[in-house]
């Protein structure tokens, strides 16, 4: 997607004021990604973010009512961007097996810098996704937030790839389970590779992608 500038549309339920509508809003997104990646979500606060961007903490609350909502926004942004990548990579591929393989590549390989949205570092954001995104839905309010569409972007990605699975094998009973397992498993394996390497097998660069590609296609035989 190099040199293709895109507009990421995020569910309005995830912000009070669209951060993409102002320089301050974009600065909030840029530096929140950097700060969460650096210190972790638990320690991250709007006060610390305000000090970093030299803006009152109250100005951040004009965009997001809590740091949880900000994390929901970042997660939704990532999955919306991922769906753009899936569409771009597979739209002209007629063979569903090849489309599925390309999709697994996108879902499991390391994220590269994308210049289509200049104020978001997708590499750092991807690290947040596989270390912190579980915290968006492992909460007491998950059902309420789900009804508001807070997880729609993630579900759209799973649905898109699941549809390709069913093109290959219309009788396969577990397409959503399979694809969500690939996504969550790949995130966990990336985390293990960085922090707990004895729990994984990543001796070669593309080991995670190879593993999940083989797993998926073996299931669909």
Protein backbone atom coordinates (compact mmCIF):
# COMPACT_ATOMS: atom_id res chain seq x y z
CA UNK A 1 0.00 0.00 0.00
CA UNK A 2 2.96 2.31 -0.50
CA UNK A 3 2.15 5.87 -1.59
CA UNK A 4 -1.59 5.18 -1.29
CA UNK A 5 -3.12 7.54 1.25
CA UNK A 6 -6.17 6.14 2.98
CA UNK A 7 -8.80 7.42 5.37
CA UNK A 8 -9.35 5.09 8.32
CA UNK A 9 -12.99 5.32 9.40
CA UNK A 10 -13.51 4.44 13.08
CA UNK A 11 -16.77 3.79 14.91
CA UNK A 12 -17.86 7.15 16.46
CA UNK A 13 -18.71 5.29 19.68
CA UNK A 14 -14.96 5.07 20.29
CA UNK A 15 -14.27 8.77 20.69
CA UNK A 16 -15.83 12.01 21.89
CA UNK A 17 -14.10 14.03 19.16
CA UNK A 18 -12.53 12.43 16.10
CA UNK A 19 -8.75 12.59 16.68
CA UNK A 20 -8.17 12.57 12.93
CA UNK A 21 -9.90 15.96 12.72
CA UNK A 22 -7.13 18.05 14.32
CA UNK A 23 -3.39 18.31 14.80
CA UNK A 24 -3.81 17.79 18.55
CA UNK A 25 -5.93 14.68 18.00
CA UNK A 26 -3.35 13.17 15.66
CA UNK A 27 -0.61 14.05 18.16
CA UNK A 28 -2.57 12.23 20.87
CA UNK A 29 -2.69 9.10 18.72
CA UNK A 30 0.97 9.27 17.70
CA UNK A 31 2.32 9.71 21.20
CA UNK A 32 -0.15 7.42 22.98
CA UNK A 33 1.11 4.59 20.77
CA UNK A 34 4.70 5.44 21.65
CA UNK A 35 3.98 5.76 25.37
CA UNK A 36 1.84 2.62 25.72
CA UNK A 37 4.47 0.65 23.83
CA UNK A 38 7.22 2.04 26.07
CA UNK A 39 5.63 1.68 29.51
CA UNK A 40 2.65 -0.68 29.13
CA UNK A 41 -1.06 0.07 29.34
CA UNK A 42 -1.35 -0.31 33.13
CA UNK A 43 1.18 2.45 33.84
CA UNK A 44 0.08 4.69 30.96
CA UNK A 45 -2.10 7.66 31.98
CA UNK A 46 -3.54 10.71 30.27
CA UNK A 47 -1.53 12.85 32.68
CA UNK A 48 1.73 11.30 31.42
CA UNK A 49 0.56 11.66 27.82
CA UNK A 50 -0.30 15.32 28.43
CA UNK A 51 3.17 15.99 29.79
CA UNK A 52 4.72 14.34 26.74
CA UNK A 53 2.71 16.32 24.21
CA UNK A 54 2.82 19.52 26.32
CA UNK A 55 -0.95 19.78 26.48
CA UNK A 56 -3.33 19.80 29.51
CA UNK A 57 -4.71 16.42 30.54
CA UNK A 58 -8.18 17.91 30.11
CA UNK A 59 -7.53 18.41 26.39
CA UNK A 60 -7.11 14.64 25.94
CA UNK A 61 -10.44 14.03 27.69
CA UNK A 62 -12.10 16.08 24.96
CA UNK A 63 -11.23 13.22 22.58
CA UNK A 64 -11.51 10.13 24.81
CA UNK A 65 -13.42 9.64 28.06
CA UNK A 66 -10.92 7.07 29.40
CA UNK A 67 -7.70 5.31 28.54
CA UNK A 68 -9.73 2.12 28.00
CA UNK A 69 -11.69 3.86 25.24
CA UNK A 70 -8.42 5.08 23.74
CA UNK A 71 -7.16 1.47 23.66
CA UNK A 72 -10.42 0.40 22.00
CA UNK A 73 -9.86 3.13 19.41
CA UNK A 74 -6.27 2.06 18.71
CA UNK A 75 -7.33 -1.58 18.42
CA UNK A 76 -10.17 -0.71 16.06
CA UNK A 77 -7.81 1.46 14.00
CA UNK A 78 -5.38 -1.44 13.66
CA UNK A 79 -8.03 -3.92 12.51
CA UNK A 80 -9.58 -1.43 10.08
CA UNK A 81 -6.13 -0.83 8.61
CA UNK A 82 -5.55 -4.60 8.48
CA UNK A 83 -8.77 -5.07 6.53
CA UNK A 84 -7.57 -2.47 4.01
CA UNK A 85 -4.42 -4.54 3.59
CA UNK A 86 -6.42 -7.72 3.10
CA UNK A 87 -8.59 -6.08 0.43
CA UNK A 88 -5.59 -4.58 -1.34
CA UNK A 89 -3.63 -7.87 -1.34
CA UNK A 90 -6.46 -10.18 -2.40
CA UNK A 91 -8.96 -8.22 -4.51
CA UNK A 92 -7.44 -9.33 -7.82
CA UNK A 93 -6.71 -12.91 -6.75
CA UNK A 94 -9.37 -15.28 -8.08
CA UNK A 95 -8.05 -18.49 -6.50
CA UNK A 96 -9.44 -18.74 -2.94
CA UNK A 97 -6.53 -20.88 -1.74
CA UNK A 98 -4.08 -18.22 -2.86
CA UNK A 99 -6.25 -15.51 -1.25
CA UNK A 100 -6.27 -17.45 2.00
CA UNK A 101 -2.51 -17.87 1.92
CA UNK A 102 -2.01 -14.14 1.34
CA UNK A 103 -4.44 -13.40 4.16
CA UNK A 104 -2.56 -15.65 6.59
CA UNK A 105 0.65 -13.89 5.59
CA UNK A 106 -0.86 -10.52 6.50
CA UNK A 107 -2.28 -11.81 9.79
CA UNK A 108 0.90 -13.53 10.97
CA UNK A 109 3.97 -11.85 9.49
CA UNK A 110 5.69 -8.89 11.18
CA UNK A 111 4.09 -5.55 10.36
CA UNK A 112 6.08 -3.17 8.17
CA UNK A 113 5.98 0.62 8.15
CA UNK A 114 3.12 1.91 6.00
CA UNK A 115 3.28 5.52 4.78
CA UNK A 116 -0.45 5.72 4.02
CA UNK A 117 -1.19 7.28 7.44
CA UNK A 118 1.77 9.41 8.48
CA UNK A 119 0.88 9.93 12.14
CA UNK A 120 0.51 6.24 13.06
CA UNK A 121 3.51 3.97 13.58
CA UNK A 122 1.96 0.66 12.56
CA UNK A 123 4.97 -1.34 13.79
CA UNK A 124 4.64 -0.02 17.34
CA UNK A 125 0.86 -0.31 17.18
CA UNK A 126 1.12 -3.97 16.17
CA UNK A 127 3.21 -4.62 19.29
CA UNK A 128 0.49 -3.05 21.40
CA UNK A 129 -2.10 -5.23 19.71
CA UNK A 130 -0.39 -8.50 20.58
CA UNK A 131 0.53 -7.43 24.13
CA UNK A 132 -2.44 -5.31 25.21
CA UNK A 133 -5.49 -5.88 23.00
CA UNK A 134 -6.93 -8.68 25.16
CA UNK A 135 -7.62 -5.96 27.73
CA UNK A 136 -10.16 -4.39 25.40
CA UNK A 137 -12.59 -7.30 25.73
CA UNK A 138 -11.57 -9.11 28.93
CA UNK A 139 -13.68 -6.64 30.91
CA UNK A 140 -17.04 -6.60 32.68
CA UNK A 141 -18.40 -4.22 30.02
CA UNK A 142 -17.54 -6.38 27.01
CA UNK A 143 -21.16 -7.24 26.15
CA UNK A 144 -22.29 -3.62 26.37
CA UNK A 145 -19.35 -2.46 24.25
CA UNK A 146 -19.96 -5.24 21.74
CA UNK A 147 -23.56 -4.05 21.27
CA UNK A 148 -22.19 -0.56 20.54
CA UNK A 149 -20.00 -2.03 17.78
CA UNK A 150 -16.67 -1.48 19.53
CA UNK A 151 -15.25 -4.75 18.17
CA UNK A 152 -16.74 -4.52 14.69
CA UNK A 153 -13.42 -3.91 12.94
CA UNK A 154 -11.85 -7.07 14.39
CA UNK A 155 -14.94 -9.12 13.59
CA UNK A 156 -14.91 -7.80 10.01
CA UNK A 157 -11.37 -9.11 9.53
CA UNK A 158 -12.29 -12.53 10.92
CA UNK A 159 -15.43 -12.63 8.76
CA UNK A 160 -13.58 -11.66 5.58
CA UNK A 161 -11.01 -14.44 5.94
CA UNK A 162 -13.61 -16.93 7.18
CA UNK A 163 -15.59 -16.34 3.96
CA UNK A 164 -12.51 -17.37 1.99
CA UNK A 165 -12.20 -20.52 4.10
CA UNK A 166 -15.77 -21.43 3.15
CA UNK A 167 -15.03 -20.87 -0.52
CA UNK A 168 -12.38 -23.57 -0.25
CA UNK A 169 -14.46 -25.92 1.87
CA UNK A 170 -18.16 -24.95 2.13
CA UNK A 171 -18.78 -27.80 4.59
CA UNK A 172 -16.13 -26.70 7.07
CA UNK A 173 -17.94 -26.11 10.36
CA UNK A 174 -15.52 -23.87 12.22
CA UNK A 175 -14.26 -21.03 9.97
CA UNK A 176 -14.50 -18.27 12.60
CA UNK A 177 -12.90 -20.44 15.27
CA UNK A 178 -10.09 -21.29 12.89
CA UNK A 179 -9.28 -17.74 11.84
CA UNK A 180 -9.60 -16.18 15.31
CA UNK A 181 -7.32 -18.95 16.59
CA UNK A 182 -4.75 -18.07 13.90
CA UNK A 183 -4.85 -14.39 14.82
CA UNK A 184 -4.73 -14.77 18.60
CA UNK A 185 -2.23 -17.62 18.38
CA UNK A 186 0.12 -15.68 16.12
CA UNK A 187 0.04 -12.74 18.53
CA UNK A 188 0.86 -15.02 21.44
CA UNK A 189 3.69 -16.71 19.57
CA UNK A 190 5.20 -13.32 18.70
CA UNK A 191 5.04 -12.38 22.38
CA UNK A 192 6.61 -15.69 23.40
CA UNK A 193 9.36 -15.29 20.79
CA UNK A 194 10.31 -11.92 22.28
CA UNK A 195 9.91 -12.67 25.99
CA UNK A 196 9.51 -16.43 26.63
CA UNK A 197 11.33 -18.11 23.73
CA UNK A 198 11.35 -21.60 25.27
CA UNK A 199 7.56 -21.69 24.76
CA UNK A 200 7.78 -21.39 20.99
CA UNK A 201 9.76 -22.59 17.95
CA UNK A 202 10.86 -19.59 15.94
CA UNK A 203 14.34 -20.60 14.84
CA UNK A 204 13.59 -19.39 11.31
CA UNK A 205 12.28 -15.96 10.41
CA UNK A 206 8.88 -16.99 9.06
CA UNK A 207 8.24 -19.89 11.46
CA UNK A 208 4.96 -18.46 12.81
CA UNK A 209 3.54 -17.88 9.33
CA UNK A 210 4.64 -21.33 8.16
CA UNK A 211 3.09 -22.99 11.21
CA UNK A 212 -0.31 -21.33 10.86
CA UNK A 213 -0.41 -21.74 7.09
CA UNK A 214 0.22 -25.46 7.48
CA UNK A 215 -2.29 -25.69 10.32
CA UNK A 216 -5.07 -24.01 8.33
CA UNK A 217 -4.59 -25.94 5.13
CA UNK A 218 -4.31 -29.24 6.98
CA UNK A 219 -7.66 -28.51 8.61
CA UNK A 220 -9.20 -27.82 5.22
CA UNK A 221 -8.00 -30.99 3.49
